Structures are given as structure tokens and as C-alpha cells.
Amino acid sequence: MPNVMSADQTRPTPLCPSRRLIAAGIVRRTPGRTLTVRVTAAGVTGSIAKNGGVR
């Protein structure tokens, strides 16, 4: 989501300040396997799969 900047501000103002991050994740690929981790307010999930599997 883009930020809006007015002429009298030095810092961008979010378009929707009530929005917040609800999930974060990472995918890491190494030779032979893929690690996937997802973090939400409800908890953490993840998987380790051999390369060539479902992405």
C-alpha cells in the first residue's frame, strides 16, 4: 500500500492507519530442501520439504 506525503510533512502518512501486520513469513531454499515458516497472531506454522515438492 503506498504512502502519501504532503508538502508540510517530513514523514509519510499511511493511507489506512488502522491496518496492521497480521502475518509474516519466510521461504528459505537450500540444496535439497525448502523451509517455509509463517507467523500470525494465532501461532506459527511451518514445513520442511525436499526440493521439487509443492511450493
PDB file of N, CA and C in Angstrom:
ATOM      1  N   MET A   1       0.851  -1.171   0.000  1.00  0.00           N
ATOM      2  CA  MET A   1       0.000   0.000   0.000  1.00  0.00           C
ATOM      3  C   MET A   1       0.900   1.239   0.000  1.00  0.00           C
ATOM      4  N   PRO A   2       0.670   2.185  -0.899  1.00  0.00           N
ATOM      5  CA  PRO A   2       1.536   3.359  -0.975  1.00  0.00           C
ATOM      6  C   PRO A   2       1.308   4.315   0.187  1.00  0.00           C
ATOM      7  N   ASN A   3       2.334   5.081   0.486  1.00  0.00           N
ATOM      8  CA  ASN A   3       2.229   6.120   1.497  1.00  0.00           C
ATOM      9  C   ASN A   3       2.010   7.462   0.817  1.00  0.00           C
ATOM     10  N   VAL A   4       1.364   8.374   1.522  1.00  0.00           N
ATOM     11  CA  VAL A   4       1.074   9.696   0.988  1.00  0.00           C
ATOM     12  C   VAL A   4       1.930  10.692   1.747  1.00  0.00           C
ATOM     13  N   MET A   5       2.499  11.664   1.040  1.00  0.00           N
ATOM     14  CA  MET A   5       3.342  12.660   1.691  1.00  0.00           C
ATOM     15  C   MET A   5       2.839  14.044   1.312  1.00  0.00           C
ATOM     16  N   SER A   6       2.531  14.854   2.291  1.00  0.00           N
ATOM     17  CA  SER A   6       2.103  16.218   1.996  1.00  0.00           C
ATOM     18  C   SER A   6       3.317  17.136   2.058  1.00  0.00           C
ATOM     19  N   ALA A   7       3.177  18.344   1.562  1.00  0.00           N
ATOM     20  CA  ALA A   7       4.291  19.282   1.469  1.00  0.00           C
ATOM     21  C   ALA A   7       4.823  19.681   2.842  1.00  0.00           C
ATOM     22  N   ASP A   8       3.985  19.685   3.887  1.00  0.00           N
ATOM     23  CA  ASP A   8       4.428  20.133   5.203  1.00  0.00           C
ATOM     24  C   ASP A   8       4.850  18.981   6.121  1.00  0.00           C
ATOM     25  N   GLN A   9       4.954  17.788   5.604  1.00  0.00           N
ATOM     26  CA  GLN A   9       5.344  16.644   6.419  1.00  0.00           C
ATOM     27  C   GLN A   9       6.711  16.134   6.009  1.00  0.00           C
ATOM     28  N   THR A  10       7.457  15.655   6.960  1.00  0.00           N
ATOM     29  CA  THR A  10       8.749  15.048   6.655  1.00  0.00           C
ATOM     30  C   THR A  10       8.671  13.528   6.707  1.00  0.00           C
ATOM     31  N   ARG A  11       7.571  12.991   7.169  1.00  0.00           N
ATOM     32  CA  ARG A  11       7.398  11.555   7.321  1.00  0.00           C
ATOM     33  C   ARG A  11       6.143  11.114   6.565  1.00  0.00           C
ATOM     34  N   PRO A  12       6.190   9.992   5.828  1.00  0.00           N
ATOM     35  CA  PRO A  12       4.994   9.522   5.115  1.00  0.00           C
ATOM     36  C   PRO A  12       3.864   9.172   6.082  1.00  0.00           C
ATOM     37  N   THR A  13       2.646   9.400   5.664  1.00  0.00           N
ATOM     38  CA  THR A  13       1.464   9.074   6.452  1.00  0.00           C
ATOM     39  C   THR A  13       0.777   7.875   5.810  1.00  0.00           C
ATOM     40  N   PRO A  14       0.540   6.786   6.553  1.00  0.00           N
ATOM     41  CA  PRO A  14      -0.158   5.635   5.978  1.00  0.00           C
ATOM     42  C   PRO A  14      -1.568   6.020   5.527  1.00  0.00           C
ATOM     43  N   LEU A  15      -2.017   5.424   4.435  1.00  0.00           N
ATOM     44  CA  LEU A  15      -3.361   5.695   3.944  1.00  0.00           C
ATOM     45  C   LEU A  15      -4.423   5.173   4.902  1.00  0.00           C
ATOM     46  N   CYS A  16      -4.140   4.082   5.555  1.00  0.00           N
ATOM     47  CA  CYS A  16      -5.106   3.471   6.465  1.00  0.00           C
ATOM     48  C   CYS A  16      -4.391   3.135   7.779  1.00  0.00           C
ATOM     49  N   PRO A  17      -4.315   4.063   8.722  1.00  0.00           N
ATOM     50  CA  PRO A  17      -3.551   3.823   9.945  1.00  0.00           C
ATOM     51  C   PRO A  17      -4.075   2.695  10.820  1.00  0.00           C
ATOM     52  N   SER A  18      -5.325   2.270  10.623  1.00  0.00           N
ATOM     53  CA  SER A  18      -5.871   1.193  11.448  1.00  0.00           C
ATOM     54  C   SER A  18      -5.396  -0.189  10.980  1.00  0.00           C
ATOM     55  N   ARG A  19      -4.745  -0.266   9.814  1.00  0.00           N
ATOM     56  CA  ARG A  19      -4.243  -1.549   9.320  1.00  0.00           C
ATOM     57  C   ARG A  19      -2.960  -1.906  10.038  1.00  0.00           C
ATOM     58  N   ARG A  20      -2.777  -3.185  10.277  1.00  0.00           N
ATOM     59  CA  ARG A  20      -1.559  -3.641  10.924  1.00  0.00           C
ATOM     60  C   ARG A  20      -1.126  -4.964  10.326  1.00  0.00           C
ATOM     61  N   LEU A  21       0.103  -5.305  10.545  1.00  0.00           N
ATOM     62  CA  LEU A  21       0.635  -6.550  10.038  1.00  0.00           C
ATOM     63  C   LEU A  21      -0.051  -7.715  10.743  1.00  0.00           C
ATOM     64  N   ILE A  22      -0.607  -8.646   9.959  1.00  0.00           N
ATOM     65  CA  ILE A  22      -1.283  -9.789  10.572  1.00  0.00           C
ATOM     66  C   ILE A  22      -0.536 -11.094  10.333  1.00  0.00           C
ATOM     67  N   ALA A  23       0.426 -11.084   9.418  1.00  0.00           N
ATOM     68  CA  ALA A  23       1.195 -12.300   9.173  1.00  0.00           C
ATOM     69  C   ALA A  23       2.560 -11.936   8.602  1.00  0.00           C
ATOM     70  N   ALA A  24       3.523 -12.755   8.903  1.00  0.00           N
ATOM     71  CA  ALA A  24       4.860 -12.616   8.337  1.00  0.00           C
ATOM     72  C   ALA A  24       5.378 -14.009   8.040  1.00  0.00           C
ATOM     73  N   GLY A  25       6.212 -14.108   7.045  1.00  0.00           N
ATOM     74  CA  GLY A  25       6.710 -15.436   6.707  1.00  0.00           C
ATOM     75  C   GLY A  25       8.030 -15.388   5.980  1.00  0.00           C
ATOM     76  N   ILE A  26       8.613 -16.561   5.832  1.00  0.00           N
ATOM     77  CA  ILE A  26       9.880 -16.694   5.138  1.00  0.00           C
ATOM     78  C   ILE A  26       9.895 -18.019   4.398  1.00  0.00           C
ATOM     79  N   VAL A  27      10.529 -18.012   3.235  1.00  0.00           N
ATOM     80  CA  VAL A  27      10.788 -19.240   2.488  1.00  0.00           C
ATOM     81  C   VAL A  27      12.287 -19.268   2.248  1.00  0.00           C
ATOM     82  N   ARG A  28      12.923 -20.340   2.681  1.00  0.00           N
ATOM     83  CA  ARG A  28      14.371 -20.476   2.503  1.00  0.00           C
ATOM     84  C   ARG A  28      14.649 -21.747   1.733  1.00  0.00           C
ATOM     85  N   ARG A  29      15.341 -21.589   0.614  1.00  0.00           N
ATOM     86  CA  ARG A  29      15.664 -22.747  -0.226  1.00  0.00           C
ATOM     87  C   ARG A  29      17.155 -23.029  -0.153  1.00  0.00           C
ATOM     88  N   THR A  30      17.491 -24.250   0.181  1.00  0.00           N
ATOM     89  CA  THR A  30      18.874 -24.718   0.201  1.00  0.00           C
ATOM     90  C   THR A  30      18.944 -25.955  -0.684  1.00  0.00           C
ATOM     91  N   PRO A  31      20.126 -26.349  -1.088  1.00  0.00           N
ATOM     92  CA  PRO A  31      20.222 -27.561  -1.916  1.00  0.00           C
ATOM     93  C   PRO A  31      19.583 -28.758  -1.201  1.00  0.00           C
ATOM     94  N   GLY A  32      18.555 -29.282  -1.796  1.00  0.00           N
ATOM     95  CA  GLY A  32      17.927 -30.476  -1.233  1.00  0.00           C
ATOM     96  C   GLY A  32      16.665 -30.249  -0.431  1.00  0.00           C
ATOM     97  N   ARG A  33      16.418 -29.028   0.049  1.00  0.00           N
ATOM     98  CA  ARG A  33      15.200 -28.823   0.846  1.00  0.00           C
ATOM     99  C   ARG A  33      14.734 -27.372   0.831  1.00  0.00           C
ATOM    100  N   THR A  34      13.472 -27.193   1.172  1.00  0.00           N
ATOM    101  CA  THR A  34      12.855 -25.874   1.273  1.00  0.00           C
ATOM    102  C   THR A  34      12.203 -25.755   2.644  1.00  0.00           C
ATOM    103  N   LEU A  35      12.516 -24.683   3.362  1.00  0.00           N
ATOM    104  CA  LEU A  35      11.945 -24.413   4.678  1.00  0.00           C
ATOM    105  C   LEU A  35      10.955 -23.268   4.535  1.00  0.00           C
ATOM    106  N   THR A  36       9.729 -23.467   5.016  1.00  0.00           N
ATOM    107  CA  THR A  36       8.696 -22.442   4.961  1.00  0.00           C
ATOM    108  C   THR A  36       8.164 -22.203   6.365  1.00  0.00           C
ATOM    109  N   VAL A  37       8.126 -20.947   6.799  1.00  0.00           N
ATOM    110  CA  VAL A  37       7.612 -20.593   8.123  1.00  0.00           C
ATOM    111  C   VAL A  37       6.656 -19.421   7.968  1.00  0.00           C
ATOM    112  N   ARG A  38       5.510 -19.489   8.652  1.00  0.00           N
ATOM    113  CA  ARG A  38       4.521 -18.412   8.642  1.00  0.00           C
ATOM    114  C   ARG A  38       4.117 -18.126  10.084  1.00  0.00           C
ATOM    115  N   VAL A  39       4.127 -16.836  10.448  1.00  0.00           N
ATOM    116  CA  VAL A  39       3.803 -16.418  11.807  1.00  0.00           C
ATOM    117  C   VAL A  39       2.579 -15.503  11.770  1.00  0.00           C
ATOM    118  N   THR A  40       1.584 -15.811  12.593  1.00  0.00           N
ATOM    119  CA  THR A  40       0.398 -14.967  12.730  1.00  0.00           C
ATOM    120  C   THR A  40       0.123 -14.780  14.217  1.00  0.00           C
ATOM    121  N   ALA A  41      -0.882 -13.980  14.527  1.00  0.00           N
ATOM    122  CA  ALA A  41      -1.269 -13.788  15.924  1.00  0.00           C
ATOM    123  C   ALA A  41      -1.734 -15.103  16.546  1.00  0.00           C
ATOM    124  N   ALA A  42      -2.233 -16.019  15.717  1.00  0.00           N
ATOM    125  CA  ALA A  42      -2.730 -17.298  16.217  1.00  0.00           C
ATOM    126  C   ALA A  42      -1.621 -18.300  16.502  1.00  0.00           C
ATOM    127  N   GLY A  43      -0.451 -18.108  15.892  1.00  0.00           N
ATOM    128  CA  GLY A  43       0.636 -19.043  16.134  1.00  0.00           C
ATOM    129  C   GLY A  43       1.600 -19.121  14.974  1.00  0.00           C
ATOM    130  N   VAL A  44       2.412 -20.175  14.991  1.00  0.00           N
ATOM    131  CA  VAL A  44       3.454 -20.376  13.993  1.00  0.00           C
ATOM    132  C   VAL A  44       3.218 -21.698  13.287  1.00  0.00           C
ATOM    133  N   THR A  45       3.346 -21.709  11.967  1.00  0.00           N
ATOM    134  CA  THR A  45       3.271 -22.948  11.197  1.00  0.00           C
ATOM    135  C   THR A  45       4.491 -23.021  10.306  1.00  0.00           C
ATOM    136  N   GLY A  46       4.837 -24.208   9.891  1.00  0.00           N
ATOM    137  CA  GLY A  46       5.982 -24.338   9.022  1.00  0.00           C
ATOM    138  C   GLY A  46       6.097 -25.718   8.432  1.00  0.00           C
ATOM    139  N   SER A  47       6.968 -25.839   7.447  1.00  0.00           N
ATOM    140  CA  SER A  47       7.202 -27.129   6.836  1.00  0.00           C
ATOM    141  C   SER A  47       8.622 -27.177   6.291  1.00  0.00           C
ATOM    142  N   ILE A  48       9.143 -28.395   6.186  1.00  0.00           N
ATOM    143  CA  ILE A  48      10.417 -28.653   5.541  1.00  0.00           C
ATOM    144  C   ILE A  48      10.124 -29.690   4.459  1.00  0.00           C
ATOM    145  N   ALA A  49      10.443 -29.338   3.223  1.00  0.00           N
ATOM    146  CA  ALA A  49      10.143 -30.239   2.114  1.00  0.00           C
ATOM    147  C   ALA A  49      11.390 -30.447   1.262  1.00  0.00           C
ATOM    148  N   LYS A  50      11.487 -31.627   0.641  1.00  0.00           N
ATOM    149  CA  LYS A  50      12.555 -31.877  -0.311  1.00  0.00           C
ATOM    150  C   LYS A  50      12.314 -31.000  -1.522  1.00  0.00           C
ATOM    151  N   ASN A  51      13.388 -30.471  -2.116  1.00  0.00           N
ATOM    152  CA  ASN A  51      13.234 -29.659  -3.325  1.00  0.00           C
ATOM    153  C   ASN A  51      12.566 -30.475  -4.413  1.00  0.00           C
ATOM    154  N   GLY A  52      11.771 -29.793  -5.221  1.00  0.00           N
ATOM    155  CA  GLY A  52      10.990 -30.465  -6.236  1.00  0.00           C
ATOM    156  C   GLY A  52       9.578 -30.762  -5.761  1.00  0.00           C
ATOM    157  N   GLY A  53       9.288 -30.443  -4.488  1.00  0.00           N
ATOM    158  CA  GLY A  53       7.953 -30.656  -3.940  1.00  0.00           C
ATOM    159  C   GLY A  53       7.041 -29.477  -4.222  1.00  0.00           C
ATOM    160  N   VAL A  54       5.943 -29.419  -3.531  1.00  0.00           N
ATOM    161  CA  VAL A  54       4.969 -28.341  -3.697  1.00  0.00           C
ATOM    162  C   VAL A  54       5.551 -27.061  -3.130  1.00  0.00           C
ATOM    163  N   ARG A  55       5.399 -25.950  -3.862  1.00  0.00           N
ATOM    164  CA  ARG A  55       5.894 -24.664  -3.379  1.00  0.00           C
ATOM    165  C   ARG A  55       4.766 -23.769  -3.011  1.00  0.00           C
TER     166      ARG A  55
END
